[in-house]
């Protein structure tokens, strides 16, 4: 089962980018996150949303939901 939330270091692994870049994306609002009891968490849907935005920016066609 896929987690509902990822810590920034795990989100970085999923996205294939650095942890520093994840925090930069969170700071600019490009990647949504929440803070819970001092922990920064990135919802799974936010990772998918960010990936779709990157695909769109690159001019890739939208894929249909499976």
Protein backbone atom coordinates (compact mmCIF):
# COMPACT_ATOMS: atom_id res chain seq x y z
CA UNK A 1 0.00 0.00 0.00
CA UNK A 2 1.28 3.44 -0.95
CA UNK A 3 1.67 5.93 1.93
CA UNK A 4 -0.74 8.86 2.09
CA UNK A 5 2.03 11.25 3.16
CA UNK A 6 5.77 11.41 2.54
CA UNK A 7 8.52 13.08 4.53
CA UNK A 8 10.48 15.49 2.29
CA UNK A 9 13.45 13.12 1.96
CA UNK A 10 11.11 10.33 0.78
CA UNK A 11 9.25 12.69 -1.55
CA UNK A 12 12.63 13.59 -3.06
CA UNK A 13 13.34 9.92 -3.75
CA UNK A 14 9.91 9.43 -5.35
CA UNK A 15 10.40 12.50 -7.56
CA UNK A 16 14.05 11.75 -8.31
CA UNK A 17 15.27 15.13 -7.05
CA UNK A 18 17.25 16.37 -4.06
CA UNK A 19 15.81 16.99 -0.62
CA UNK A 20 16.96 20.61 -0.92
CA UNK A 21 14.97 21.03 -4.13
CA UNK A 22 11.88 19.58 -2.43
CA UNK A 23 12.14 22.22 0.30
CA UNK A 24 12.66 24.93 -2.34
CA UNK A 25 9.54 23.76 -4.20
CA UNK A 26 7.57 23.77 -0.95
CA UNK A 27 8.78 27.29 -0.17
CA UNK A 28 7.70 28.60 -3.59
CA UNK A 29 4.35 26.80 -3.38
CA UNK A 30 5.02 24.58 -6.38
CA UNK A 31 4.79 21.50 -4.16
CA UNK A 32 2.04 21.45 -1.56
CA UNK A 33 2.76 20.24 1.96
CA UNK A 34 1.42 20.36 5.48
CA UNK A 35 3.07 20.67 8.85
CA UNK A 36 1.88 18.39 11.64
CA UNK A 37 3.41 18.50 15.11
CA UNK A 38 6.68 19.82 13.73
CA UNK A 39 6.86 17.35 10.84
CA UNK A 40 6.67 18.52 7.23
CA UNK A 41 4.58 16.09 5.17
CA UNK A 42 3.90 15.97 1.43
CA UNK A 43 0.57 14.37 0.50
CA UNK A 44 0.68 11.70 -2.20
CA UNK A 45 -1.79 13.73 -4.32
CA UNK A 46 0.62 16.69 -4.21
CA UNK A 47 3.37 14.57 -5.78
CA UNK A 48 1.01 13.55 -8.58
CA UNK A 49 -0.14 17.15 -9.04
CA UNK A 50 3.46 18.38 -9.24
CA UNK A 51 4.35 15.68 -11.78
CA UNK A 52 1.33 16.62 -13.94
CA UNK A 53 2.37 20.29 -13.81
CA UNK A 54 5.89 19.36 -14.95
CA UNK A 55 4.50 17.26 -17.80
CA UNK A 56 2.23 20.09 -18.85
CA UNK A 57 5.09 22.61 -18.71
CA UNK A 58 7.15 20.27 -20.90
CA UNK A 59 4.31 20.05 -23.42
CA UNK A 60 3.61 16.38 -22.85
CA UNK A 61 0.05 15.24 -23.61
CA UNK A 62 -2.24 14.50 -20.67
CA UNK A 63 -2.71 10.85 -19.87
CA UNK A 64 -6.10 9.39 -19.19
CA UNK A 65 -6.80 8.05 -15.71
CA UNK A 66 -6.49 4.27 -15.50
